[in-house]
Amino acid sequence: MRLLRPRDFERVFSMRNSASDAMLVVYAAPNDVGHARLGLTVSRKVGSAVCRNRWKRLIREAFRLTQ
């Protein structure tokens, strides 16, 4: 359910389909897997590694609950 390989991230970034607000940028791309997949990158501007990992855990859990 997750994007893990750099090649997967490059494909999504190259599609340039995005939406954003002040805190979050979401990139989207169609896939042929049959279900949604999630990949996260969090900027160092957000804070320490502990803070970034917490953000990622929270977003992954929200994604999991909406499946």
N, C-alpha and C. Protein backbone atom coordinates (compact mmCIF):
# COMPACT_ATOMS: atom_id res chain seq x y z
N MET A 1 0.81 -1.20 0.00
CA MET A 1 0.00 0.00 0.00
C MET A 1 0.86 1.26 0.00
N ARG A 2 2.18 1.12 0.14
CA ARG A 2 3.04 2.30 0.24
C ARG A 2 3.97 2.40 -0.94
N LEU A 3 4.34 3.63 -1.27
CA LEU A 3 5.40 3.88 -2.24
C LEU A 3 6.71 3.87 -1.46
N LEU A 4 7.64 3.02 -1.86
CA LEU A 4 8.89 2.93 -1.12
C LEU A 4 10.12 3.16 -2.00
N ARG A 5 10.01 2.83 -3.27
CA ARG A 5 11.16 2.95 -4.16
C ARG A 5 11.27 4.34 -4.77
N PRO A 6 12.48 4.85 -4.91
CA PRO A 6 12.66 6.17 -5.54
C PRO A 6 12.03 6.25 -6.92
N ARG A 7 12.03 5.16 -7.66
CA ARG A 7 11.43 5.14 -9.00
C ARG A 7 9.94 5.45 -8.92
N ASP A 8 9.26 4.92 -7.90
CA ASP A 8 7.82 5.19 -7.72
C ASP A 8 7.57 6.67 -7.44
N PHE A 9 8.40 7.24 -6.57
CA PHE A 9 8.25 8.66 -6.24
C PHE A 9 8.53 9.53 -7.46
N GLU A 10 9.55 9.19 -8.23
CA GLU A 10 9.88 9.97 -9.43
C GLU A 10 8.72 9.97 -10.42
N ARG A 11 8.05 8.82 -10.56
CA ARG A 11 6.91 8.73 -11.48
C ARG A 11 5.79 9.66 -11.04
N VAL A 12 5.49 9.68 -9.75
CA VAL A 12 4.42 10.54 -9.24
C VAL A 12 4.79 12.01 -9.39
N PHE A 13 6.02 12.37 -9.03
CA PHE A 13 6.45 13.76 -9.15
C PHE A 13 6.45 14.23 -10.60
N SER A 14 6.78 13.34 -11.52
CA SER A 14 6.84 13.74 -12.93
C SER A 14 5.46 13.98 -13.53
N MET A 15 4.41 13.39 -12.94
CA MET A 15 3.05 13.59 -13.43
C MET A 15 2.55 15.00 -13.17
N ARG A 16 3.05 15.65 -12.13
CA ARG A 16 2.76 17.05 -11.79
C ARG A 16 1.27 17.32 -11.52
N ASN A 17 0.57 16.33 -11.01
CA ASN A 17 -0.81 16.56 -10.56
C ASN A 17 -0.73 16.81 -9.07
N SER A 18 -1.01 18.04 -8.65
CA SER A 18 -0.86 18.36 -7.23
C SER A 18 -1.94 19.29 -6.75
N ALA A 19 -2.11 19.26 -5.43
CA ALA A 19 -3.00 20.18 -4.73
C ALA A 19 -2.29 20.55 -3.43
N SER A 20 -2.50 21.78 -2.95
CA SER A 20 -1.77 22.18 -1.76
C SER A 20 -2.55 23.21 -0.95
N ASP A 21 -2.11 23.34 0.29
CA ASP A 21 -2.54 24.44 1.14
C ASP A 21 -1.30 24.93 1.87
N ALA A 22 -1.46 25.63 2.96
CA ALA A 22 -0.31 26.21 3.65
C ALA A 22 0.60 25.16 4.29
N MET A 23 0.06 23.99 4.63
CA MET A 23 0.83 22.99 5.36
C MET A 23 1.18 21.73 4.58
N LEU A 24 0.47 21.45 3.49
CA LEU A 24 0.58 20.14 2.86
C LEU A 24 0.51 20.27 1.34
N VAL A 25 1.32 19.50 0.65
CA VAL A 25 1.26 19.38 -0.80
C VAL A 25 0.99 17.91 -1.11
N VAL A 26 0.00 17.64 -1.93
CA VAL A 26 -0.36 16.28 -2.30
C VAL A 26 -0.14 16.11 -3.79
N TYR A 27 0.63 15.10 -4.17
CA TYR A 27 0.84 14.74 -5.56
C TYR A 27 0.07 13.46 -5.83
N ALA A 28 -0.53 13.36 -7.01
CA ALA A 28 -1.32 12.18 -7.35
C ALA A 28 -0.97 11.70 -8.75
N ALA A 29 -1.09 10.39 -8.93
CA ALA A 29 -0.88 9.78 -10.24
C ALA A 29 -1.71 8.51 -10.31
N PRO A 30 -2.29 8.22 -11.47
CA PRO A 30 -3.03 6.97 -11.60
C PRO A 30 -2.08 5.77 -11.54
N ASN A 31 -2.61 4.63 -11.09
CA ASN A 31 -1.80 3.42 -11.08
C ASN A 31 -2.62 2.26 -11.62
N ASP A 32 -1.96 1.15 -11.86
CA ASP A 32 -2.66 -0.03 -12.38
C ASP A 32 -2.75 -1.14 -11.34
N VAL A 33 -2.55 -0.80 -10.07
CA VAL A 33 -2.58 -1.78 -8.99
C VAL A 33 -4.01 -2.10 -8.58
N GLY A 34 -4.92 -1.15 -8.69
CA GLY A 34 -6.30 -1.38 -8.32
C GLY A 34 -6.68 -0.80 -6.98
N HIS A 35 -5.73 -0.23 -6.26
CA HIS A 35 -6.03 0.42 -4.98
C HIS A 35 -5.08 1.59 -4.81
N ALA A 36 -5.44 2.49 -3.92
CA ALA A 36 -4.61 3.67 -3.69
C ALA A 36 -3.35 3.29 -2.93
N ARG A 37 -2.26 4.00 -3.24
CA ARG A 37 -1.00 3.81 -2.54
C ARG A 37 -0.55 5.15 -2.00
N LEU A 38 0.23 5.13 -0.93
CA LEU A 38 0.66 6.35 -0.28
C LEU A 38 2.17 6.36 -0.13
N GLY A 39 2.78 7.47 -0.45
CA GLY A 39 4.21 7.69 -0.21
C GLY A 39 4.38 9.05 0.43
N LEU A 40 5.22 9.13 1.43
CA LEU A 40 5.37 10.39 2.17
C LEU A 40 6.82 10.86 2.15
N THR A 41 6.98 12.15 1.94
CA THR A 41 8.25 12.83 2.18
C THR A 41 7.92 14.05 3.01
N VAL A 42 8.69 14.25 4.06
CA VAL A 42 8.46 15.38 4.96
C VAL A 42 9.73 16.21 5.02
N SER A 43 9.60 17.49 4.76
CA SER A 43 10.73 18.40 4.72
C SER A 43 11.36 18.57 6.10
N ARG A 44 12.63 18.86 6.11
CA ARG A 44 13.33 19.14 7.36
C ARG A 44 12.84 20.43 8.01
N LYS A 45 12.14 21.26 7.24
CA LYS A 45 11.57 22.48 7.79
C LYS A 45 10.52 22.18 8.87
N VAL A 46 9.96 20.97 8.83
CA VAL A 46 8.93 20.59 9.78
C VAL A 46 9.50 20.46 11.18
N GLY A 47 10.72 19.99 11.30
CA GLY A 47 11.33 19.84 12.62
C GLY A 47 12.34 18.71 12.64
N SER A 48 12.55 18.19 13.84
CA SER A 48 13.52 17.11 14.03
C SER A 48 13.00 15.82 13.41
N ALA A 49 13.85 14.80 13.36
CA ALA A 49 13.46 13.51 12.82
C ALA A 49 12.29 12.92 13.60
N VAL A 50 12.29 13.12 14.90
CA VAL A 50 11.20 12.61 15.73
C VAL A 50 9.88 13.25 15.31
N CYS A 51 9.89 14.54 15.09
CA CYS A 51 8.69 15.28 14.67
C CYS A 51 8.24 14.83 13.28
N ARG A 52 9.17 14.71 12.35
CA ARG A 52 8.83 14.28 10.98
C ARG A 52 8.26 12.87 10.98
N ASN A 53 8.85 11.98 11.76
CA ASN A 53 8.34 10.61 11.82
C ASN A 53 6.95 10.55 12.43
N ARG A 54 6.69 11.39 13.41
CA ARG A 54 5.35 11.44 14.00
C ARG A 54 4.33 11.89 12.97
N TRP A 55 4.64 12.93 12.18
CA TRP A 55 3.76 13.37 11.11
C TRP A 55 3.47 12.22 10.15
N LYS A 56 4.52 11.51 9.75
CA LYS A 56 4.33 10.40 8.81
C LYS A 56 3.46 9.30 9.40
N ARG A 57 3.67 8.97 10.66
CA ARG A 57 2.84 7.94 11.31
C ARG A 57 1.37 8.36 11.34
N LEU A 58 1.12 9.62 11.70
CA LEU A 58 -0.25 10.11 11.77
C LEU A 58 -0.93 10.10 10.40
N ILE A 59 -0.22 10.52 9.37
CA ILE A 59 -0.81 10.56 8.03
C ILE A 59 -1.04 9.14 7.51
N ARG A 60 -0.08 8.23 7.75
CA ARG A 60 -0.27 6.83 7.33
C ARG A 60 -1.48 6.21 8.03
N GLU A 61 -1.66 6.50 9.31
CA GLU A 61 -2.80 5.95 10.04
C GLU A 61 -4.11 6.52 9.50
N ALA A 62 -4.16 7.82 9.22
CA ALA A 62 -5.36 8.41 8.64
C ALA A 62 -5.67 7.78 7.28
N PHE A 63 -4.65 7.55 6.48
CA PHE A 63 -4.82 6.90 5.18
C PHE A 63 -5.35 5.49 5.37
N ARG A 64 -4.79 4.76 6.32
CA ARG A 64 -5.23 3.38 6.57
C ARG A 64 -6.69 3.33 6.99
N LEU A 65 -7.11 4.26 7.84
CA LEU A 65 -8.48 4.26 8.33
C LEU A 65 -9.50 4.63 7.26
N THR A 66 -9.08 5.33 6.22
CA THR A 66 -10.00 5.71 5.15
C THR A 66 -10.07 4.66 4.05
N GLN A 67 -9.30 3.63 4.12
CA GLN A 67 -9.32 2.57 3.09
C GLN A 67 -10.57 1.75 3.13
